[in-house]
Amino acid sequence: VGAGLAKARINVWVLQSVAFTLWLLTVIWLF
């Protein structure tokens, strides 16, 4: 996720929002 979003040249807060969503989904899926 970090490497993929790092290459996207859009607003950094949008990227962090996407990262937070993917983080939450990863934790939920794993558990």
ModelCIF file with pLDDT and N, C-alpha, C, O atoms, coordinates in Angstrom:
data_MODEL
#
_entry.id   MODEL 
#
_entity.id                         1 
_entity.type                       polymer 
_entity.pdbx_number_of_molecules   1 
#
_entity_poly.entity_id                      1 
_entity_poly.type                           'polypeptide(L)' 
_entity_poly.nstd_linkage                   no 
_entity_poly.nstd_monomer                   no 
_entity_poly.pdbx_seq_one_letter_code       VGAGLAKARINVWVLQSVAFTLWLLTVIWLF 
_entity_poly.pdbx_seq_one_letter_code_can   VGAGLAKARINVWVLQSVAFTLWLLTVIWLF 
_entity_poly.pdbx_strand_id                 A 
#
loop_
_entity_poly_seq.entity_id 
_entity_poly_seq.num 
_entity_poly_seq.mon_id 
_entity_poly_seq.hetero 
1 1  VAL n 
1 2  GLY n 
1 3  ALA n 
1 4  GLY n 
1 5  LEU n 
1 6  ALA n 
1 7  LYS n 
1 8  ALA n 
1 9  ARG n 
1 10 ILE n 
1 11 ASN n 
1 12 VAL n 
1 13 TRP n 
1 14 VAL n 
1 15 LEU n 
1 16 GLN n 
1 17 SER n 
1 18 VAL n 
1 19 ALA n 
1 20 PHE n 
1 21 THR n 
1 22 LEU n 
1 23 TRP n 
1 24 LEU n 
1 25 LEU n 
1 26 THR n 
1 27 VAL n 
1 28 ILE n 
1 29 TRP n 
1 30 LEU n 
1 31 PHE n 
#
_struct_asym.id          A 
_struct_asym.entity_id   1 
#
loop_
_ma_qa_metric.id 
_ma_qa_metric.mode 
_ma_qa_metric.name 
_ma_qa_metric.software_group_id 
_ma_qa_metric.type 
1 global pLDDT . pLDDT 
2 local  pLDDT . pLDDT 
#
_ma_qa_metric_global.metric_id      1 
_ma_qa_metric_global.metric_value   89.35 
_ma_qa_metric_global.model_id       1 
_ma_qa_metric_global.ordinal_id     1 
#
loop_
_ma_qa_metric_local.label_asym_id 
_ma_qa_metric_local.label_comp_id 
_ma_qa_metric_local.label_seq_id 
_ma_qa_metric_local.metric_id 
_ma_qa_metric_local.metric_value 
_ma_qa_metric_local.model_id 
_ma_qa_metric_local.ordinal_id 
A VAL 1  2 94.00 1 1  
A GLY 2  2 94.00 1 2  
A ALA 3  2 92.00 1 3  
A GLY 4  2 92.00 1 4  
A LEU 5  2 92.00 1 5  
A ALA 6  2 91.00 1 6  
A LYS 7  2 87.00 1 7  
A ALA 8  2 88.00 1 8  
A ARG 9  2 85.00 1 9  
A ILE 10 2 87.00 1 10 
A ASN 11 2 89.00 1 11 
A VAL 12 2 89.00 1 12 
A TRP 13 2 91.00 1 13 
A VAL 14 2 92.00 1 14 
A LEU 15 2 91.00 1 15 
A GLN 16 2 92.00 1 16 
A SER 17 2 93.00 1 17 
A VAL 18 2 93.00 1 18 
A ALA 19 2 92.00 1 19 
A PHE 20 2 92.00 1 20 
A THR 21 2 92.00 1 21 
A LEU 22 2 92.00 1 22 
A TRP 23 2 90.00 1 23 
A LEU 24 2 88.00 1 24 
A LEU 25 2 87.00 1 25 
A THR 26 2 89.00 1 26 
A VAL 27 2 85.00 1 27 
A ILE 28 2 82.00 1 28 
A TRP 29 2 83.00 1 29 
A LEU 30 2 85.00 1 30 
A PHE 31 2 81.00 1 31 
#
loop_
_atom_site.group_PDB 
_atom_site.id 
_atom_site.type_symbol 
_atom_site.label_atom_id 
_atom_site.label_alt_id 
_atom_site.label_comp_id 
_atom_site.label_asym_id 
_atom_site.label_entity_id 
_atom_site.label_seq_id 
_atom_site.pdbx_PDB_ins_code 
_atom_site.Cartn_x 
_atom_site.Cartn_y 
_atom_site.Cartn_z 
_atom_site.occupancy 
_atom_site.B_iso_or_equiv 
_atom_site.pdbx_formal_charge 
_atom_site.auth_seq_id 
_atom_site.auth_comp_id 
_atom_site.auth_asym_id 
_atom_site.auth_atom_id 
_atom_site.pdbx_PDB_model_num 
ATOM 1   N N  . VAL A 1 1  ? 0.835   -1.206  0.000  1.00 94.00 ? 1  VAL A N  1 
ATOM 2   C CA . VAL A 1 1  ? 0.000   0.000   0.000  1.00 94.00 ? 1  VAL A CA 1 
ATOM 3   C C  . VAL A 1 1  ? 0.869   1.254   0.000  1.00 94.00 ? 1  VAL A C  1 
ATOM 4   O O  . VAL A 1 1  ? 0.611   2.191   -0.756 1.00 94.00 ? 1  VAL A O  1 
ATOM 5   N N  . GLY A 1 2  ? 1.896   1.272   0.847  1.00 94.00 ? 2  GLY A N  1 
ATOM 6   C CA . GLY A 1 2  ? 2.768   2.438   0.911  1.00 94.00 ? 2  GLY A CA 1 
ATOM 7   C C  . GLY A 1 2  ? 3.490   2.704   -0.397 1.00 94.00 ? 2  GLY A C  1 
ATOM 8   O O  . GLY A 1 2  ? 3.560   3.846   -0.852 1.00 94.00 ? 2  GLY A O  1 
ATOM 9   N N  . ALA A 1 3  ? 4.027   1.654   -1.003 1.00 92.00 ? 3  ALA A N  1 
ATOM 10  C CA . ALA A 1 3  ? 4.742   1.819   -2.269 1.00 92.00 ? 3  ALA A CA 1 
ATOM 11  C C  . ALA A 1 3  ? 3.794   2.225   -3.395 1.00 92.00 ? 3  ALA A C  1 
ATOM 12  O O  . ALA A 1 3  ? 4.142   3.052   -4.238 1.00 92.00 ? 3  ALA A O  1 
ATOM 13  N N  . GLY A 1 4  ? 2.595   1.640   -3.407 1.00 92.00 ? 4  GLY A N  1 
ATOM 14  C CA . GLY A 1 4  ? 1.633   1.965   -4.460 1.00 92.00 ? 4  GLY A CA 1 
ATOM 15  C C  . GLY A 1 4  ? 1.127   3.389   -4.356 1.00 92.00 ? 4  GLY A C  1 
ATOM 16  O O  . GLY A 1 4  ? 1.079   4.101   -5.359 1.00 92.00 ? 4  GLY A O  1 
ATOM 17  N N  . LEU A 1 5  ? 0.750   3.814   -3.169 1.00 92.00 ? 5  LEU A N  1 
ATOM 18  C CA . LEU A 1 5  ? 0.235   5.169   -2.999 1.00 92.00 ? 5  LEU A CA 1 
ATOM 19  C C  . LEU A 1 5  ? 1.327   6.225   -3.160 1.00 92.00 ? 5  LEU A C  1 
ATOM 20  O O  . LEU A 1 5  ? 1.043   7.357   -3.551 1.00 92.00 ? 5  LEU A O  1 
ATOM 21  N N  . ALA A 1 6  ? 2.567   5.861   -2.861 1.00 91.00 ? 6  ALA A N  1 
ATOM 22  C CA . ALA A 1 6  ? 3.667   6.819   -2.982 1.00 91.00 ? 6  ALA A CA 1 
ATOM 23  C C  . ALA A 1 6  ? 3.857   7.276   -4.419 1.00 91.00 ? 6  ALA A C  1 
ATOM 24  O O  . ALA A 1 6  ? 4.348   8.380   -4.654 1.00 91.00 ? 6  ALA A O  1 
ATOM 25  N N  . LYS A 1 7  ? 3.479   6.452   -5.379 1.00 87.00 ? 7  LYS A N  1 
ATOM 26  C CA . LYS A 1 7  ? 3.663   6.794   -6.790 1.00 87.00 ? 7  LYS A CA 1 
ATOM 27  C C  . LYS A 1 7  ? 2.525   7.653   -7.332 1.00 87.00 ? 7  LYS A C  1 
ATOM 28  O O  . LYS A 1 7  ? 2.637   8.202   -8.428 1.00 87.00 ? 7  LYS A O  1 
ATOM 29  N N  . ALA A 1 8  ? 1.442   7.776   -6.587 1.00 88.00 ? 8  ALA A N  1 
ATOM 30  C CA . ALA A 1 8  ? 0.284   8.556   -7.051 1.00 88.00 ? 8  ALA A CA 1 
ATOM 31  C C  . ALA A 1 8  ? 0.498   10.021  -6.736 1.00 88.00 ? 8  ALA A C  1 
ATOM 32  O O  . ALA A 1 8  ? 0.741   10.375  -5.583 1.00 88.00 ? 8  ALA A O  1 
ATOM 33  N N  . ARG A 1 9  ? 0.412   10.868  -7.727 1.00 85.00 ? 9  ARG A N  1 
ATOM 34  C CA . ARG A 1 9  ? 0.656   12.297  -7.557 1.00 85.00 ? 9  ARG A CA 1 
ATOM 35  C C  . ARG A 1 9  ? -0.665  13.038  -7.377 1.00 85.00 ? 9  ARG A C  1 
ATOM 36  O O  . ARG A 1 9  ? -1.069  13.843  -8.216 1.00 85.00 ? 9  ARG A O  1 
ATOM 37  N N  . ILE A 1 10 ? -1.320  12.747  -6.268 1.00 87.00 ? 10 ILE A N  1 
ATOM 38  C CA . ILE A 1 10 ? -2.539  13.464  -5.920 1.00 87.00 ? 10 ILE A CA 1 
ATOM 39  C C  . ILE A 1 10 ? -2.397  13.960  -4.494 1.00 87.00 ? 10 ILE A C  1 
ATOM 40  O O  . ILE A 1 10 ? -1.375  13.731  -3.847 1.00 87.00 ? 10 ILE A O  1 
ATOM 41  N N  . ASN A 1 11 ? -3.421  14.636  -4.008 1.00 89.00 ? 11 ASN A N  1 
ATOM 42  C CA . ASN A 1 11 ? -3.360  15.233  -2.682 1.00 89.00 ? 11 ASN A CA 1 
ATOM 43  C C  . ASN A 1 11 ? -2.967  14.212  -1.625 1.00 89.00 ? 11 ASN A C  1 
ATOM 44  O O  . ASN A 1 11 ? -3.513  13.110  -1.574 1.00 89.00 ? 11 ASN A O  1 
ATOM 45  N N  . VAL A 1 12 ? -2.004  14.597  -0.774 1.00 89.00 ? 12 VAL A N  1 
ATOM 46  C CA . VAL A 1 12 ? -1.464  13.657  0.197  1.00 89.00 ? 12 VAL A CA 1 
ATOM 47  C C  . VAL A 1 12 ? -2.507  13.228  1.220  1.00 89.00 ? 12 VAL A C  1 
ATOM 48  O O  . VAL A 1 12 ? -2.460  12.104  1.719  1.00 89.00 ? 12 VAL A O  1 
ATOM 49  N N  . TRP A 1 13 ? -3.461  14.124  1.541  1.00 91.00 ? 13 TRP A N  1 
ATOM 50  C CA . TRP A 1 13 ? -4.483  13.761  2.515  1.00 91.00 ? 13 TRP A CA 1 
ATOM 51  C C  . TRP A 1 13 ? -5.466  12.745  1.932  1.00 91.00 ? 13 TRP A C  1 
ATOM 52  O O  . TRP A 1 13 ? -6.000  11.903  2.654  1.00 91.00 ? 13 TRP A O  1 
ATOM 53  N N  . VAL A 1 14 ? -5.695  12.832  0.641  1.00 92.00 ? 14 VAL A N  1 
ATOM 54  C CA . VAL A 1 14 ? -6.522  11.818  -0.023 1.00 92.00 ? 14 VAL A CA 1 
ATOM 55  C C  . VAL A 1 14 ? -5.819  10.466  0.032  1.00 92.00 ? 14 VAL A C  1 
ATOM 56  O O  . VAL A 1 14 ? -6.444  9.433   0.278  1.00 92.00 ? 14 VAL A O  1 
ATOM 57  N N  . LEU A 1 15 ? -4.506  10.492  -0.203 1.00 91.00 ? 15 LEU A N  1 
ATOM 58  C CA . LEU A 1 15 ? -3.746  9.246   -0.167 1.00 91.00 ? 15 LEU A CA 1 
ATOM 59  C C  . LEU A 1 15 ? -3.760  8.628   1.234  1.00 91.00 ? 15 LEU A C  1 
ATOM 60  O O  . LEU A 1 15 ? -3.892  7.413   1.384  1.00 91.00 ? 15 LEU A O  1 
ATOM 61  N N  . GLN A 1 16 ? -3.625  9.469   2.248  1.00 92.00 ? 16 GLN A N  1 
ATOM 62  C CA . GLN A 1 16 ? -3.632  8.938   3.613  1.00 92.00 ? 16 GLN A CA 1 
ATOM 63  C C  . GLN A 1 16 ? -5.012  8.405   3.999  1.00 92.00 ? 16 GLN A C  1 
ATOM 64  O O  . GLN A 1 16 ? -5.119  7.458   4.779  1.00 92.00 ? 16 GLN A O  1 
ATOM 65  N N  . SER A 1 17 ? -6.055  9.007   3.457  1.00 93.00 ? 17 SER A N  1 
ATOM 66  C CA . SER A 1 17 ? -7.403  8.495   3.708  1.00 93.00 ? 17 SER A CA 1 
ATOM 67  C C  . SER A 1 17 ? -7.578  7.119   3.082  1.00 93.00 ? 17 SER A C  1 
ATOM 68  O O  . SER A 1 17 ? -8.170  6.221   3.681  1.00 93.00 ? 17 SER A O  1 
ATOM 69  N N  . VAL A 1 18 ? -7.056  6.966   1.873  1.00 93.00 ? 18 VAL A N  1 
ATOM 70  C CA . VAL A 1 18 ? -7.098  5.658   1.212  1.00 93.00 ? 18 VAL A CA 1 
ATOM 71  C C  . VAL A 1 18 ? -6.278  4.642   2.010  1.00 93.00 ? 18 VAL A C  1 
ATOM 72  O O  . VAL A 1 18 ? -6.698  3.500   2.193  1.00 93.00 ? 18 VAL A O  1 
ATOM 73  N N  . ALA A 1 19 ? -5.108  5.071   2.481  1.00 92.00 ? 19 ALA A N  1 
ATOM 74  C CA . ALA A 1 19 ? -4.250  4.187   3.273  1.00 92.00 ? 19 ALA A CA 1 
ATOM 75  C C  . ALA A 1 19 ? -4.956  3.746   4.555  1.00 92.00 ? 19 ALA A C  1 
ATOM 76  O O  . ALA A 1 19 ? -4.886  2.577   4.934  1.00 92.00 ? 19 ALA A O  1 
ATOM 77  N N  . PHE A 1 20 ? -5.630  4.674   5.217  1.00 92.00 ? 20 PHE A N  1 
ATOM 78  C CA . PHE A 1 20 ? -6.343  4.336   6.450  1.00 92.00 ? 20 PHE A CA 1 
ATOM 79  C C  . PHE A 1 20 ? -7.437  3.303   6.175  1.00 92.00 ? 20 PHE A C  1 
ATOM 80  O O  . PHE A 1 20 ? -7.619  2.361   6.946  1.00 92.00 ? 20 PHE A O  1 
ATOM 81  N N  . THR A 1 21 ? -8.156  3.488   5.080  1.00 92.00 ? 21 THR A N  1 
ATOM 82  C CA . THR A 1 21 ? -9.216  2.543   4.725  1.00 92.00 ? 21 THR A CA 1 
ATOM 83  C C  . THR A 1 21 ? -8.643  1.155   4.456  1.00 92.00 ? 21 THR A C  1 
ATOM 84  O O  . THR A 1 21 ? -9.181  0.152   4.925  1.00 92.00 ? 21 THR A O  1 
ATOM 85  N N  . LEU A 1 22 ? -7.552  1.104   3.701  1.00 92.00 ? 22 LEU A N  1 
ATOM 86  C CA . LEU A 1 22 ? -6.932  -0.184  3.386  1.00 92.00 ? 22 LEU A CA 1 
ATOM 87  C C  . LEU A 1 22 ? -6.333  -0.826  4.636  1.00 92.00 ? 22 LEU A C  1 
ATOM 88  O O  . LEU A 1 22 ? -6.378  -2.047  4.790  1.00 92.00 ? 22 LEU A O  1 
ATOM 89  N N  . TRP A 1 23 ? -5.774  -0.011  5.528  1.00 90.00 ? 23 TRP A N  1 
ATOM 90  C CA . TRP A 1 23 ? -5.262  -0.537  6.797  1.00 90.00 ? 23 TRP A CA 1 
ATOM 91  C C  . TRP A 1 23 ? -6.381  -1.181  7.607  1.00 90.00 ? 23 TRP A C  1 
ATOM 92  O O  . TRP A 1 23 ? -6.220  -2.278  8.143  1.00 90.00 ? 23 TRP A O  1 
ATOM 93  N N  . LEU A 1 24 ? -7.512  -0.493  7.689  1.00 88.00 ? 24 LEU A N  1 
ATOM 94  C CA . LEU A 1 24 ? -8.640  -1.013  8.466  1.00 88.00 ? 24 LEU A CA 1 
ATOM 95  C C  . LEU A 1 24 ? -9.154  -2.318  7.868  1.00 88.00 ? 24 LEU A C  1 
ATOM 96  O O  . LEU A 1 24 ? -9.437  -3.271  8.594  1.00 88.00 ? 24 LEU A O  1 
ATOM 97  N N  . LEU A 1 25 ? -9.274  -2.358  6.559  1.00 87.00 ? 25 LEU A N  1 
ATOM 98  C CA . LEU A 1 25 ? -9.756  -3.571  5.898  1.00 87.00 ? 25 LEU A CA 1 
ATOM 99  C C  . LEU A 1 25 ? -8.782  -4.735  6.097  1.00 87.00 ? 25 LEU A C  1 
ATOM 100 O O  . LEU A 1 25 ? -9.203  -5.877  6.280  1.00 87.00 ? 25 LEU A O  1 
ATOM 101 N N  . THR A 1 26 ? -7.480  -4.439  6.061  1.00 89.00 ? 26 THR A N  1 
ATOM 102 C CA . THR A 1 26 ? -6.478  -5.492  6.263  1.00 89.00 ? 26 THR A CA 1 
ATOM 103 C C  . THR A 1 26 ? -6.584  -6.091  7.654  1.00 89.00 ? 26 THR A C  1 
ATOM 104 O O  . THR A 1 26 ? -6.574  -7.312  7.810  1.00 89.00 ? 26 THR A O  1 
ATOM 105 N N  . VAL A 1 27 ? -6.685  -5.230  8.673  1.00 85.00 ? 27 VAL A N  1 
ATOM 106 C CA . VAL A 1 27 ? -6.778  -5.709  10.055 1.00 85.00 ? 27 VAL A CA 1 
ATOM 107 C C  . VAL A 1 27 ? -8.034  -6.540  10.249 1.00 85.00 ? 27 VAL A C  1 
ATOM 108 O O  . VAL A 1 27 ? -7.992  -7.611  10.855 1.00 85.00 ? 27 VAL A O  1 
ATOM 109 N N  . ILE A 1 28 ? -9.150  -6.044  9.734  1.00 82.00 ? 28 ILE A N  1 
ATOM 110 C CA . ILE A 1 28 ? -10.416 -6.773  9.888  1.00 82.00 ? 28 ILE A CA 1 
ATOM 111 C C  . ILE A 1 28 ? -10.350 -8.122  9.182  1.00 82.00 ? 28 ILE A C  1 
ATOM 112 O O  . ILE A 1 28 ? -10.755 -9.141  9.741  1.00 82.00 ? 28 ILE A O  1 
ATOM 113 N N  . TRP A 1 29 ? -9.845  -8.127  7.969  1.00 83.00 ? 29 TRP A N  1 
ATOM 114 C CA . TRP A 1 29 ? -9.759  -9.383  7.204  1.00 83.00 ? 29 TRP A CA 1 
ATOM 115 C C  . TRP A 1 29 ? -8.864  -10.400 7.895  1.00 83.00 ? 29 TRP A C  1 
ATOM 116 O O  . TRP A 1 29 ? -9.217  -11.576 7.987  1.00 83.00 ? 29 TRP A O  1 
ATOM 117 N N  . LEU A 1 30 ? -7.698  -9.953  8.385  1.00 85.00 ? 30 LEU A N  1 
ATOM 118 C CA . LEU A 1 30 ? -6.772  -10.878 9.039  1.00 85.00 ? 30 LEU A CA 1 
ATOM 119 C C  . LEU A 1 30 ? -7.388  -11.505 10.292 1.00 85.00 ? 30 LEU A C  1 
ATOM 120 O O  . LEU A 1 30 ? -7.229  -12.701 10.533 1.00 85.00 ? 30 LEU A O  1 
ATOM 121 N N  . PHE A 1 31 ? -8.090  -10.695 11.084 1.00 81.00 ? 31 PHE A N  1 
ATOM 122 C CA . PHE A 1 31 ? -8.605  -11.215 12.345 1.00 81.00 ? 31 PHE A CA 1 
ATOM 123 C C  . PHE A 1 31 ? -9.889  -12.017 12.166 1.00 81.00 ? 31 PHE A C  1 
ATOM 124 O O  . PHE A 1 31 ? -10.444 -12.520 13.142 1.00 81.00 ? 31 PHE A O  1 
#
